[in-house]
Amino acid sequence: MSYLKLQTYRAAAVVPSDTTTIPHVDGVDKVTPCVLYVGVAGDLKVKTAGNDEITFKNAPVGFLPVQVKQVFATGTAASEIIALW
């Protein structure tokens, strides 16, 4: 039996924005996709690493195992979101 073990080395609070990507906590000038932890359930609109814009309806509390570049303010009701690299 195999399983995916999520290990991260950095974390930062996410401020949803319709115009900017999630800034990397190291101050790296490039966009580095991350996975998310959702602290309060709700709709979550994101742009994936592959540039797909998608809304996860009623995203539950916990990890979202999708590589994400941006969390949109419009269309997002979830909160207490943390980016993990």
N, C-alpha and C. Protein backbone atom coordinates (compact mmCIF):
# COMPACT_ATOMS: atom_id res chain seq x y z
N MET A 1 0.84 -1.17 0.00
CA MET A 1 0.00 0.00 0.00
C MET A 1 0.89 1.24 0.00
N SER A 2 0.59 2.17 -0.87
CA SER A 2 1.37 3.40 -0.90
C SER A 2 0.47 4.59 -0.55
N TYR A 3 1.08 5.67 -0.13
CA TYR A 3 0.32 6.87 0.20
C TYR A 3 1.20 8.08 -0.07
N LEU A 4 0.55 9.23 -0.24
CA LEU A 4 1.26 10.48 -0.46
C LEU A 4 1.48 11.15 0.88
N LYS A 5 2.72 11.48 1.18
CA LYS A 5 3.03 12.15 2.43
C LYS A 5 3.35 13.61 2.09
N LEU A 6 2.55 14.52 2.59
CA LEU A 6 2.73 15.93 2.33
C LEU A 6 3.79 16.49 3.27
N GLN A 7 4.88 16.96 2.69
CA GLN A 7 5.92 17.60 3.48
C GLN A 7 6.21 18.96 2.87
N THR A 8 6.25 19.97 3.69
CA THR A 8 6.51 21.32 3.21
C THR A 8 7.71 21.90 3.96
N TYR A 9 8.29 22.93 3.38
CA TYR A 9 9.42 23.56 4.04
C TYR A 9 9.16 25.02 4.40
N ARG A 10 8.10 25.61 3.84
CA ARG A 10 7.74 26.99 4.18
C ARG A 10 6.23 27.12 4.19
N ALA A 11 5.73 28.13 4.90
CA ALA A 11 4.30 28.39 4.98
C ALA A 11 4.06 29.89 5.15
N ALA A 12 2.94 30.37 4.60
CA ALA A 12 2.58 31.79 4.74
C ALA A 12 1.07 31.93 4.58
N ALA A 13 0.51 32.91 5.28
CA ALA A 13 -0.91 33.21 5.14
C ALA A 13 -1.17 33.75 3.74
N VAL A 14 -2.33 33.41 3.19
CA VAL A 14 -2.71 33.85 1.85
C VAL A 14 -3.72 34.99 1.96
N VAL A 15 -3.46 36.06 1.21
CA VAL A 15 -4.42 37.15 1.07
C VAL A 15 -5.02 37.02 -0.33
N PRO A 16 -6.28 36.59 -0.43
CA PRO A 16 -6.88 36.45 -1.76
C PRO A 16 -6.83 37.76 -2.54
N SER A 17 -6.54 37.68 -3.84
CA SER A 17 -6.44 38.86 -4.70
C SER A 17 -6.85 38.50 -6.12
N ASP A 18 -7.59 39.40 -6.74
CA ASP A 18 -7.98 39.20 -8.13
C ASP A 18 -6.89 39.62 -9.11
N THR A 19 -5.83 40.26 -8.61
CA THR A 19 -4.80 40.80 -9.51
C THR A 19 -3.40 40.25 -9.31
N THR A 20 -3.10 39.70 -8.14
CA THR A 20 -1.73 39.23 -7.91
C THR A 20 -1.67 37.76 -7.54
N THR A 21 -0.56 37.15 -7.86
CA THR A 21 -0.32 35.76 -7.50
C THR A 21 0.15 35.68 -6.05
N ILE A 22 0.22 34.48 -5.53
CA ILE A 22 0.68 34.28 -4.15
C ILE A 22 2.18 34.53 -4.11
N PRO A 23 2.64 35.54 -3.35
CA PRO A 23 4.08 35.79 -3.28
C PRO A 23 4.78 34.71 -2.48
N HIS A 24 5.92 34.27 -2.98
CA HIS A 24 6.68 33.24 -2.28
C HIS A 24 7.28 33.83 -1.01
N VAL A 25 7.23 33.09 0.04
CA VAL A 25 7.69 33.56 1.35
C VAL A 25 9.19 33.88 1.35
N ASP A 26 9.96 33.26 0.46
CA ASP A 26 11.41 33.53 0.39
C ASP A 26 11.72 34.81 -0.37
N GLY A 27 10.70 35.48 -0.91
CA GLY A 27 10.94 36.69 -1.69
C GLY A 27 11.44 36.38 -3.08
N VAL A 28 11.33 35.13 -3.51
CA VAL A 28 11.75 34.75 -4.85
C VAL A 28 10.91 35.52 -5.85
N ASP A 29 11.53 36.02 -6.91
CA ASP A 29 10.85 36.88 -7.86
C ASP A 29 9.95 36.13 -8.84
N LYS A 30 10.02 34.83 -8.86
CA LYS A 30 9.19 34.06 -9.78
C LYS A 30 8.00 33.46 -9.06
N VAL A 31 7.00 33.05 -9.83
CA VAL A 31 5.83 32.41 -9.25
C VAL A 31 6.16 30.96 -8.96
N THR A 32 6.03 30.56 -7.72
CA THR A 32 6.28 29.19 -7.31
C THR A 32 4.97 28.61 -6.79
N PRO A 33 4.34 27.72 -7.54
CA PRO A 33 3.06 27.15 -7.09
C PRO A 33 3.19 26.48 -5.73
N CYS A 34 2.08 26.46 -5.02
CA CYS A 34 2.04 25.89 -3.68
C CYS A 34 0.77 25.06 -3.52
N VAL A 35 0.70 24.29 -2.46
CA VAL A 35 -0.56 23.65 -2.07
C VAL A 35 -1.15 24.50 -0.96
N LEU A 36 -2.44 24.33 -0.70
CA LEU A 36 -3.12 25.17 0.27
C LEU A 36 -3.67 24.36 1.43
N TYR A 37 -3.75 25.03 2.58
CA TYR A 37 -4.50 24.51 3.71
C TYR A 37 -5.65 25.50 3.92
N VAL A 38 -6.87 25.01 3.98
CA VAL A 38 -8.05 25.84 4.20
C VAL A 38 -8.47 25.69 5.65
N GLY A 39 -8.53 26.81 6.37
CA GLY A 39 -8.88 26.78 7.78
C GLY A 39 -10.37 26.90 8.06
N VAL A 40 -11.09 27.61 7.18
CA VAL A 40 -12.54 27.78 7.31
C VAL A 40 -13.16 27.44 5.97
N ALA A 41 -14.06 26.47 5.94
CA ALA A 41 -14.65 25.97 4.71
C ALA A 41 -15.42 27.04 3.94
N GLY A 42 -15.49 26.86 2.62
CA GLY A 42 -16.25 27.76 1.76
C GLY A 42 -15.76 27.62 0.33
N ASP A 43 -16.41 28.32 -0.59
CA ASP A 43 -15.97 28.29 -1.98
C ASP A 43 -14.56 28.84 -2.08
N LEU A 44 -13.77 28.26 -2.98
CA LEU A 44 -12.37 28.65 -3.15
C LEU A 44 -12.06 28.72 -4.63
N LYS A 45 -11.88 29.94 -5.16
CA LYS A 45 -11.54 30.13 -6.57
C LYS A 45 -10.04 30.32 -6.69
N VAL A 46 -9.41 29.49 -7.53
CA VAL A 46 -7.95 29.52 -7.67
C VAL A 46 -7.54 29.49 -9.13
N LYS A 47 -6.26 29.83 -9.35
CA LYS A 47 -5.60 29.59 -10.64
C LYS A 47 -4.54 28.53 -10.37
N THR A 48 -4.62 27.43 -11.10
CA THR A 48 -3.69 26.33 -10.89
C THR A 48 -2.35 26.62 -11.56
N ALA A 49 -1.38 25.77 -11.29
CA ALA A 49 -0.05 25.90 -11.91
C ALA A 49 -0.15 25.81 -13.43
N GLY A 50 -1.18 25.14 -13.94
CA GLY A 50 -1.40 25.01 -15.38
C GLY A 50 -2.27 26.12 -15.95
N ASN A 51 -2.52 27.18 -15.17
CA ASN A 51 -3.30 28.36 -15.56
C ASN A 51 -4.80 28.10 -15.72
N ASP A 52 -5.31 27.06 -15.10
CA ASP A 52 -6.76 26.82 -15.10
C ASP A 52 -7.38 27.61 -13.95
N GLU A 53 -8.45 28.33 -14.25
CA GLU A 53 -9.21 29.01 -13.20
C GLU A 53 -10.39 28.12 -12.85
N ILE A 54 -10.50 27.76 -11.57
CA ILE A 54 -11.52 26.81 -11.14
C ILE A 54 -12.01 27.20 -9.75
N THR A 55 -13.28 26.95 -9.50
CA THR A 55 -13.84 27.18 -8.17
C THR A 55 -14.15 25.84 -7.53
N PHE A 56 -13.57 25.60 -6.38
CA PHE A 56 -13.88 24.43 -5.59
C PHE A 56 -15.05 24.81 -4.69
N LYS A 57 -16.23 24.30 -5.00
CA LYS A 57 -17.43 24.64 -4.25
C LYS A 57 -17.38 24.01 -2.87
N ASN A 58 -17.58 24.85 -1.86
CA ASN A 58 -17.60 24.41 -0.46
C ASN A 58 -16.37 23.57 -0.11
N ALA A 59 -15.19 24.10 -0.43
CA ALA A 59 -13.94 23.41 -0.08
C ALA A 59 -13.91 23.17 1.42
N PRO A 60 -13.65 21.93 1.85
CA PRO A 60 -13.67 21.63 3.28
C PRO A 60 -12.39 22.11 3.98
N VAL A 61 -12.43 22.13 5.28
CA VAL A 61 -11.24 22.41 6.07
C VAL A 61 -10.23 21.30 5.81
N GLY A 62 -8.98 21.69 5.54
CA GLY A 62 -7.93 20.72 5.31
C GLY A 62 -7.07 21.08 4.11
N PHE A 63 -6.28 20.14 3.67
CA PHE A 63 -5.33 20.36 2.58
C PHE A 63 -6.01 20.24 1.22
N LEU A 64 -5.64 21.14 0.31
CA LEU A 64 -6.08 21.09 -1.08
C LEU A 64 -4.87 20.64 -1.89
N PRO A 65 -4.83 19.38 -2.32
CA PRO A 65 -3.64 18.84 -2.99
C PRO A 65 -3.57 19.19 -4.47
N VAL A 66 -3.62 20.51 -4.75
CA VAL A 66 -3.55 21.02 -6.12
C VAL A 66 -2.49 22.11 -6.13
N GLN A 67 -1.59 22.11 -7.12
CA GLN A 67 -0.60 23.16 -7.23
C GLN A 67 -1.28 24.46 -7.67
N VAL A 68 -1.18 25.49 -6.84
CA VAL A 68 -1.92 26.75 -7.03
C VAL A 68 -0.96 27.92 -7.11
N LYS A 69 -1.30 28.89 -8.00
CA LYS A 69 -0.52 30.13 -8.13
C LYS A 69 -1.24 31.34 -7.56
N GLN A 70 -2.58 31.28 -7.53
CA GLN A 70 -3.36 32.45 -7.13
C GLN A 70 -4.66 32.00 -6.47
N VAL A 71 -5.07 32.74 -5.44
CA VAL A 71 -6.39 32.59 -4.83
C VAL A 71 -7.12 33.90 -5.09
N PHE A 72 -8.24 33.81 -5.78
CA PHE A 72 -9.00 35.00 -6.13
C PHE A 72 -9.85 35.48 -4.96
N ALA A 73 -9.97 36.80 -4.82
CA ALA A 73 -10.85 37.38 -3.80
C ALA A 73 -12.30 37.18 -4.22
N THR A 74 -12.59 37.48 -5.49
CA THR A 74 -13.95 37.30 -6.02
C THR A 74 -14.19 35.82 -6.24
N GLY A 75 -15.21 35.29 -5.62
CA GLY A 75 -15.53 33.88 -5.76
C GLY A 75 -14.98 33.02 -4.65
N THR A 76 -14.26 33.63 -3.69
CA THR A 76 -13.72 32.88 -2.56
C THR A 76 -14.40 33.31 -1.27
N ALA A 77 -15.01 32.33 -0.60
CA ALA A 77 -15.62 32.57 0.70
C ALA A 77 -14.84 31.85 1.80
N ALA A 78 -14.03 30.86 1.42
CA ALA A 78 -13.18 30.17 2.39
C ALA A 78 -12.20 31.19 2.99
N SER A 79 -11.71 30.89 4.18
CA SER A 79 -10.76 31.82 4.81
C SER A 79 -9.75 31.05 5.64
N GLU A 80 -8.86 31.82 6.26
CA GLU A 80 -7.75 31.25 7.03
C GLU A 80 -6.97 30.28 6.15
N ILE A 81 -6.60 30.76 4.96
CA ILE A 81 -5.92 29.95 3.96
C ILE A 81 -4.40 30.10 4.14
N ILE A 82 -3.70 29.00 4.09
CA ILE A 82 -2.25 29.00 4.24
C ILE A 82 -1.62 28.36 3.01
N ALA A 83 -0.61 29.03 2.44
CA ALA A 83 0.17 28.49 1.33
C ALA A 83 1.32 27.68 1.90
N LEU A 84 1.55 26.51 1.30
CA LEU A 84 2.62 25.62 1.75
C LEU A 84 3.52 25.26 0.58
N TRP A 85 4.84 25.45 0.77
CA TRP A 85 5.82 25.09 -0.27
C TRP A 85 6.69 23.98 0.21
